[in-house]
N, C-alpha and C. Protein backbone atom coordinates (compact mmCIF):
# COMPACT_ATOMS: atom_id res chain seq x y z
N MET A 1 -18.88 7.18 -11.16
CA MET A 1 -18.87 6.52 -9.87
C MET A 1 -17.84 7.19 -8.99
N SER A 2 -18.19 7.44 -7.78
CA SER A 2 -17.29 8.07 -6.83
C SER A 2 -16.16 7.12 -6.48
N GLN A 3 -14.97 7.66 -6.35
CA GLN A 3 -13.83 6.82 -5.99
C GLN A 3 -13.93 6.32 -4.56
N ARG A 4 -14.80 6.90 -3.75
CA ARG A 4 -14.98 6.44 -2.38
C ARG A 4 -15.77 5.14 -2.30
N ASN A 5 -16.45 4.78 -3.36
CA ASN A 5 -17.27 3.57 -3.37
C ASN A 5 -16.49 2.37 -3.88
N THR A 6 -15.30 2.19 -3.39
CA THR A 6 -14.48 1.06 -3.82
C THR A 6 -14.24 0.12 -2.65
N ALA A 7 -13.85 -1.09 -2.96
CA ALA A 7 -13.69 -2.11 -1.93
C ALA A 7 -12.48 -1.85 -1.03
N VAL A 8 -11.47 -1.20 -1.54
CA VAL A 8 -10.26 -0.97 -0.78
C VAL A 8 -10.20 0.49 -0.39
N THR A 9 -9.86 0.76 0.85
CA THR A 9 -9.82 2.13 1.33
C THR A 9 -8.62 2.87 0.75
N ASP A 10 -8.53 4.17 1.07
CA ASP A 10 -7.39 4.95 0.63
C ASP A 10 -6.16 4.68 1.50
N GLN A 11 -6.33 3.95 2.58
CA GLN A 11 -5.22 3.62 3.48
C GLN A 11 -4.77 2.19 3.20
N PHE A 12 -3.48 2.00 3.05
CA PHE A 12 -2.93 0.65 2.91
C PHE A 12 -2.05 0.46 4.13
N THR A 13 -2.56 -0.24 5.12
CA THR A 13 -1.89 -0.32 6.40
C THR A 13 -0.78 -1.36 6.38
N ASP A 14 0.33 -0.99 7.02
CA ASP A 14 1.46 -1.92 7.13
C ASP A 14 1.17 -3.04 8.11
N ASP A 15 0.26 -2.81 9.05
CA ASP A 15 0.00 -3.82 10.07
C ASP A 15 -0.83 -4.99 9.53
N CYS A 16 -1.57 -4.80 8.44
CA CYS A 16 -2.33 -5.91 7.88
C CYS A 16 -2.50 -5.78 6.37
N PRO A 17 -1.41 -5.87 5.62
CA PRO A 17 -1.54 -5.75 4.16
C PRO A 17 -2.30 -6.91 3.55
N LEU A 18 -2.27 -8.08 4.17
CA LEU A 18 -2.98 -9.24 3.62
C LEU A 18 -4.48 -8.97 3.54
N ARG A 19 -5.03 -8.35 4.56
CA ARG A 19 -6.46 -8.05 4.57
C ARG A 19 -6.81 -7.13 3.40
N GLU A 20 -5.97 -6.13 3.17
CA GLU A 20 -6.20 -5.19 2.05
C GLU A 20 -6.14 -5.90 0.71
N VAL A 21 -5.15 -6.75 0.53
CA VAL A 21 -4.99 -7.46 -0.75
C VAL A 21 -6.14 -8.45 -0.96
N LEU A 22 -6.51 -9.16 0.09
CA LEU A 22 -7.62 -10.11 -0.05
C LEU A 22 -8.93 -9.39 -0.35
N ALA A 23 -9.12 -8.21 0.23
CA ALA A 23 -10.32 -7.43 -0.09
C ALA A 23 -10.29 -6.99 -1.55
N LEU A 24 -9.12 -6.72 -2.06
CA LEU A 24 -8.98 -6.26 -3.44
C LEU A 24 -9.21 -7.38 -4.45
N ILE A 25 -8.58 -8.52 -4.26
CA ILE A 25 -8.68 -9.59 -5.27
C ILE A 25 -9.58 -10.74 -4.85
N GLY A 26 -10.06 -10.72 -3.61
CA GLY A 26 -10.82 -11.85 -3.12
C GLY A 26 -12.33 -11.70 -3.23
N ASP A 27 -12.79 -10.65 -3.88
CA ASP A 27 -14.24 -10.52 -4.02
C ASP A 27 -14.74 -11.51 -5.08
N LYS A 28 -16.02 -11.48 -5.31
CA LYS A 28 -16.64 -12.49 -6.18
C LYS A 28 -16.10 -12.47 -7.60
N TRP A 29 -15.72 -11.31 -8.13
CA TRP A 29 -15.39 -11.21 -9.55
C TRP A 29 -13.94 -10.87 -9.87
N SER A 30 -13.24 -10.15 -9.00
CA SER A 30 -11.91 -9.64 -9.35
C SER A 30 -10.91 -10.72 -9.72
N ALA A 31 -10.87 -11.79 -8.93
CA ALA A 31 -9.93 -12.86 -9.25
C ALA A 31 -10.23 -13.48 -10.61
N GLN A 32 -11.52 -13.63 -10.92
CA GLN A 32 -11.89 -14.19 -12.23
C GLN A 32 -11.49 -13.25 -13.37
N VAL A 33 -11.65 -11.95 -13.15
CA VAL A 33 -11.23 -10.98 -14.15
C VAL A 33 -9.72 -11.08 -14.36
N LEU A 34 -8.96 -11.14 -13.27
CA LEU A 34 -7.50 -11.22 -13.39
C LEU A 34 -7.05 -12.51 -14.06
N VAL A 35 -7.69 -13.62 -13.75
CA VAL A 35 -7.34 -14.89 -14.40
C VAL A 35 -7.62 -14.80 -15.89
N GLU A 36 -8.76 -14.25 -16.26
CA GLU A 36 -9.11 -14.13 -17.68
C GLU A 36 -8.14 -13.20 -18.39
N LEU A 37 -7.79 -12.08 -17.75
CA LEU A 37 -6.83 -11.16 -18.37
C LEU A 37 -5.42 -11.74 -18.42
N GLY A 38 -5.18 -12.78 -17.63
CA GLY A 38 -3.90 -13.47 -17.68
C GLY A 38 -3.65 -14.13 -19.02
N GLU A 39 -4.72 -14.37 -19.76
CA GLU A 39 -4.60 -14.95 -21.10
C GLU A 39 -4.16 -13.90 -22.12
N GLY A 40 -4.19 -12.64 -21.73
CA GLY A 40 -3.81 -11.55 -22.62
C GLY A 40 -4.84 -10.44 -22.57
N PRO A 41 -4.53 -9.31 -23.20
CA PRO A 41 -5.47 -8.18 -23.20
C PRO A 41 -6.82 -8.58 -23.79
N ARG A 42 -7.88 -8.01 -23.21
CA ARG A 42 -9.24 -8.31 -23.64
C ARG A 42 -10.06 -7.03 -23.70
N ARG A 43 -11.03 -7.05 -24.60
CA ARG A 43 -12.01 -5.97 -24.65
C ARG A 43 -13.11 -6.30 -23.65
N PHE A 44 -13.89 -5.30 -23.30
CA PHE A 44 -14.94 -5.45 -22.30
C PHE A 44 -15.88 -6.60 -22.65
N THR A 45 -16.35 -6.63 -23.88
CA THR A 45 -17.31 -7.67 -24.26
C THR A 45 -16.69 -9.07 -24.24
N GLN A 46 -15.41 -9.16 -24.52
CA GLN A 46 -14.73 -10.46 -24.42
C GLN A 46 -14.72 -10.94 -22.98
N LEU A 47 -14.43 -10.03 -22.06
CA LEU A 47 -14.45 -10.38 -20.64
C LEU A 47 -15.85 -10.77 -20.20
N GLU A 48 -16.82 -9.99 -20.62
CA GLU A 48 -18.22 -10.24 -20.25
C GLU A 48 -18.65 -11.64 -20.69
N ARG A 49 -18.28 -12.04 -21.89
CA ARG A 49 -18.66 -13.36 -22.40
C ARG A 49 -17.89 -14.48 -21.69
N ALA A 50 -16.65 -14.21 -21.32
CA ALA A 50 -15.79 -15.25 -20.74
C ALA A 50 -16.09 -15.54 -19.27
N ILE A 51 -16.63 -14.56 -18.55
CA ILE A 51 -16.86 -14.72 -17.11
C ILE A 51 -18.35 -14.97 -16.89
N GLU A 52 -18.68 -16.23 -16.72
CA GLU A 52 -20.08 -16.64 -16.61
C GLU A 52 -20.74 -16.01 -15.38
N GLY A 53 -21.90 -15.40 -15.62
CA GLY A 53 -22.70 -14.86 -14.53
C GLY A 53 -22.43 -13.42 -14.15
N ILE A 54 -21.38 -12.81 -14.68
CA ILE A 54 -21.07 -11.44 -14.31
C ILE A 54 -21.97 -10.48 -15.09
N SER A 55 -22.48 -9.46 -14.39
CA SER A 55 -23.29 -8.45 -15.06
C SER A 55 -22.36 -7.37 -15.61
N ARG A 56 -22.88 -6.59 -16.53
CA ARG A 56 -22.10 -5.48 -17.10
C ARG A 56 -21.68 -4.52 -15.98
N ARG A 57 -22.60 -4.25 -15.07
CA ARG A 57 -22.31 -3.32 -13.98
C ARG A 57 -21.18 -3.86 -13.09
N MET A 58 -21.26 -5.13 -12.71
CA MET A 58 -20.23 -5.69 -11.83
C MET A 58 -18.89 -5.80 -12.54
N LEU A 59 -18.90 -6.07 -13.82
CA LEU A 59 -17.64 -6.09 -14.57
C LEU A 59 -17.03 -4.69 -14.59
N THR A 60 -17.86 -3.68 -14.81
CA THR A 60 -17.38 -2.31 -14.81
C THR A 60 -16.81 -1.93 -13.46
N VAL A 61 -17.52 -2.24 -12.39
CA VAL A 61 -17.06 -1.93 -11.03
C VAL A 61 -15.74 -2.65 -10.74
N SER A 62 -15.66 -3.92 -11.09
CA SER A 62 -14.43 -4.69 -10.84
C SER A 62 -13.25 -4.13 -11.62
N LEU A 63 -13.47 -3.83 -12.89
CA LEU A 63 -12.38 -3.29 -13.70
C LEU A 63 -11.91 -1.94 -13.17
N ARG A 64 -12.84 -1.09 -12.78
CA ARG A 64 -12.45 0.22 -12.23
C ARG A 64 -11.66 0.08 -10.95
N ASN A 65 -12.10 -0.82 -10.08
CA ASN A 65 -11.39 -1.04 -8.83
C ASN A 65 -9.99 -1.61 -9.08
N LEU A 66 -9.88 -2.56 -9.99
CA LEU A 66 -8.57 -3.13 -10.32
C LEU A 66 -7.66 -2.10 -10.97
N GLU A 67 -8.23 -1.24 -11.81
CA GLU A 67 -7.45 -0.19 -12.44
C GLU A 67 -6.99 0.83 -11.40
N ARG A 68 -7.89 1.21 -10.51
CA ARG A 68 -7.55 2.18 -9.46
C ARG A 68 -6.39 1.69 -8.60
N ASN A 69 -6.33 0.39 -8.38
CA ASN A 69 -5.31 -0.19 -7.51
C ASN A 69 -4.08 -0.68 -8.27
N GLY A 70 -3.97 -0.34 -9.53
CA GLY A 70 -2.76 -0.62 -10.29
C GLY A 70 -2.60 -2.03 -10.79
N LEU A 71 -3.68 -2.80 -10.83
CA LEU A 71 -3.58 -4.18 -11.29
C LEU A 71 -4.01 -4.36 -12.73
N VAL A 72 -4.75 -3.38 -13.26
CA VAL A 72 -5.26 -3.44 -14.62
C VAL A 72 -5.04 -2.09 -15.29
N THR A 73 -4.69 -2.15 -16.57
CA THR A 73 -4.63 -0.92 -17.37
C THR A 73 -5.79 -0.90 -18.33
N ARG A 74 -6.21 0.31 -18.67
CA ARG A 74 -7.31 0.52 -19.62
C ARG A 74 -6.77 1.38 -20.74
N THR A 75 -6.80 0.85 -21.96
CA THR A 75 -6.29 1.57 -23.12
C THR A 75 -7.45 1.83 -24.08
N VAL A 76 -7.62 3.11 -24.45
CA VAL A 76 -8.66 3.50 -25.39
C VAL A 76 -8.01 3.73 -26.74
N TYR A 77 -8.54 3.04 -27.76
CA TYR A 77 -8.06 3.21 -29.13
C TYR A 77 -9.05 4.09 -29.89
N PRO A 78 -8.56 5.11 -30.59
CA PRO A 78 -9.45 6.08 -31.24
C PRO A 78 -10.04 5.58 -32.56
N ASP A 79 -10.56 4.37 -32.54
CA ASP A 79 -11.24 3.84 -33.72
C ASP A 79 -12.62 4.49 -33.82
N SER A 80 -13.36 4.09 -34.80
CA SER A 80 -14.73 4.57 -34.91
C SER A 80 -15.65 3.36 -34.98
N PRO A 81 -16.36 3.02 -33.94
CA PRO A 81 -16.39 3.65 -32.63
C PRO A 81 -15.13 3.31 -31.83
N PRO A 82 -14.82 4.11 -30.79
CA PRO A 82 -13.63 3.85 -29.99
C PRO A 82 -13.67 2.46 -29.36
N SER A 83 -12.54 1.81 -29.26
CA SER A 83 -12.47 0.52 -28.58
C SER A 83 -11.60 0.66 -27.35
N VAL A 84 -11.90 -0.15 -26.35
CA VAL A 84 -11.19 -0.12 -25.08
C VAL A 84 -10.67 -1.52 -24.80
N GLU A 85 -9.43 -1.59 -24.36
CA GLU A 85 -8.80 -2.87 -24.06
C GLU A 85 -8.25 -2.84 -22.65
N TYR A 86 -8.42 -3.95 -21.94
CA TYR A 86 -7.94 -4.08 -20.58
C TYR A 86 -6.81 -5.11 -20.55
N ALA A 87 -5.82 -4.86 -19.70
CA ALA A 87 -4.69 -5.79 -19.56
C ALA A 87 -4.19 -5.73 -18.13
N THR A 88 -3.50 -6.77 -17.71
CA THR A 88 -2.93 -6.76 -16.36
C THR A 88 -1.61 -6.00 -16.36
N THR A 89 -1.22 -5.56 -15.18
CA THR A 89 0.04 -4.85 -15.02
C THR A 89 1.10 -5.81 -14.49
N ALA A 90 2.30 -5.30 -14.32
CA ALA A 90 3.40 -6.12 -13.79
C ALA A 90 3.11 -6.62 -12.39
N LEU A 91 2.32 -5.89 -11.61
CA LEU A 91 1.97 -6.35 -10.26
C LEU A 91 1.26 -7.70 -10.30
N VAL A 92 0.43 -7.89 -11.29
CA VAL A 92 -0.32 -9.14 -11.39
C VAL A 92 0.58 -10.29 -11.80
N GLU A 93 1.61 -10.00 -12.58
CA GLU A 93 2.54 -11.06 -12.98
C GLU A 93 3.11 -11.78 -11.76
N GLU A 94 3.30 -11.04 -10.67
CA GLU A 94 3.86 -11.63 -9.45
C GLU A 94 2.89 -12.59 -8.78
N ILE A 95 1.59 -12.44 -9.01
CA ILE A 95 0.62 -13.33 -8.37
C ILE A 95 -0.14 -14.21 -9.36
N ARG A 96 0.25 -14.16 -10.62
CA ARG A 96 -0.47 -14.94 -11.63
C ARG A 96 -0.47 -16.44 -11.31
N GLU A 97 0.66 -16.99 -10.99
CA GLU A 97 0.74 -18.43 -10.72
C GLU A 97 -0.16 -18.84 -9.56
N PRO A 98 -0.11 -18.15 -8.40
CA PRO A 98 -1.04 -18.53 -7.33
C PRO A 98 -2.52 -18.35 -7.71
N LEU A 99 -2.84 -17.32 -8.46
CA LEU A 99 -4.23 -17.12 -8.89
C LEU A 99 -4.70 -18.25 -9.80
N GLU A 100 -3.85 -18.65 -10.73
CA GLU A 100 -4.22 -19.74 -11.63
C GLU A 100 -4.32 -21.06 -10.87
N ALA A 101 -3.43 -21.26 -9.90
CA ALA A 101 -3.50 -22.48 -9.08
C ALA A 101 -4.78 -22.50 -8.25
N LEU A 102 -5.15 -21.36 -7.69
CA LEU A 102 -6.39 -21.27 -6.92
C LEU A 102 -7.61 -21.53 -7.81
N SER A 103 -7.57 -21.01 -9.01
CA SER A 103 -8.66 -21.22 -9.96
C SER A 103 -8.77 -22.71 -10.32
N ALA A 104 -7.65 -23.35 -10.58
CA ALA A 104 -7.66 -24.79 -10.90
C ALA A 104 -8.16 -25.60 -9.71
N TRP A 105 -7.72 -25.24 -8.50
CA TRP A 105 -8.17 -25.94 -7.31
C TRP A 105 -9.68 -25.80 -7.14
N ALA A 106 -10.20 -24.60 -7.39
CA ALA A 106 -11.64 -24.37 -7.25
C ALA A 106 -12.44 -25.26 -8.20
N ARG A 107 -11.96 -25.39 -9.44
CA ARG A 107 -12.66 -26.27 -10.39
C ARG A 107 -12.59 -27.73 -9.93
N HIS A 108 -11.43 -28.14 -9.41
CA HIS A 108 -11.24 -29.51 -8.96
C HIS A 108 -12.03 -29.81 -7.68
N ALA A 109 -12.00 -28.89 -6.73
CA ALA A 109 -12.61 -29.12 -5.42
C ALA A 109 -14.09 -28.80 -5.37
N GLY A 110 -14.61 -28.13 -6.38
CA GLY A 110 -16.01 -27.72 -6.38
C GLY A 110 -16.99 -28.83 -6.07
N PRO A 111 -16.92 -29.97 -6.75
CA PRO A 111 -17.87 -31.06 -6.45
C PRO A 111 -17.75 -31.57 -5.01
N ALA A 112 -16.56 -31.67 -4.48
CA ALA A 112 -16.38 -32.14 -3.10
C ALA A 112 -16.95 -31.13 -2.11
N ILE A 113 -16.79 -29.86 -2.40
CA ILE A 113 -17.33 -28.81 -1.52
C ILE A 113 -18.86 -28.87 -1.53
N LEU A 114 -19.45 -29.02 -2.72
CA LEU A 114 -20.91 -29.13 -2.80
C LEU A 114 -21.42 -30.35 -2.04
N GLU A 115 -20.72 -31.45 -2.16
CA GLU A 115 -21.12 -32.66 -1.42
C GLU A 115 -21.00 -32.45 0.08
N ALA A 116 -19.95 -31.80 0.53
CA ALA A 116 -19.80 -31.51 1.96
C ALA A 116 -20.93 -30.61 2.46
N ARG A 117 -21.32 -29.63 1.66
CA ARG A 117 -22.44 -28.75 2.04
C ARG A 117 -23.73 -29.55 2.18
N ARG A 118 -23.98 -30.44 1.20
CA ARG A 118 -25.20 -31.25 1.26
C ARG A 118 -25.21 -32.13 2.51
N ALA A 119 -24.08 -32.77 2.80
CA ALA A 119 -23.99 -33.63 3.98
C ALA A 119 -24.19 -32.84 5.27
N TYR A 120 -23.60 -31.67 5.34
CA TYR A 120 -23.77 -30.81 6.51
C TYR A 120 -25.22 -30.40 6.68
N ASP A 121 -25.83 -29.94 5.57
CA ASP A 121 -27.22 -29.50 5.62
C ASP A 121 -28.16 -30.64 6.02
N ASP A 122 -27.86 -31.86 5.56
CA ASP A 122 -28.68 -33.01 5.93
C ASP A 122 -28.57 -33.32 7.42
N ARG A 123 -27.36 -33.12 7.99
CA ARG A 123 -27.17 -33.36 9.42
C ARG A 123 -27.84 -32.29 10.26
N CYS A 124 -27.86 -31.09 9.78
CA CYS A 124 -28.37 -29.97 10.60
C CYS A 124 -29.77 -29.74 10.30
């Protein structure tokens, strides 16, 4: 995969770093990958099983993007067959608590959000 096909550009602008960071971790899968890796290093198949609905392709794309941006490390062990393990970096440690809080809020607020959508759709 070309490195140009990533969610975050090669420029990290000082005038709007929040936009860059939100593009990096705010997509559909990256935050879930980071929360899951917060439990400790995982192999690809462990991540795939733990993150409901993610395809192998999207997990691969998300992991590559997170690795490219210094949030995830990829370690290859020379077993037979070789095994690969993913882990978060020190950068993620700084945002782990807010990510976990956001994840907990999403689980808690999900039913209320769905109800609000239904009510809105019924009105419109």
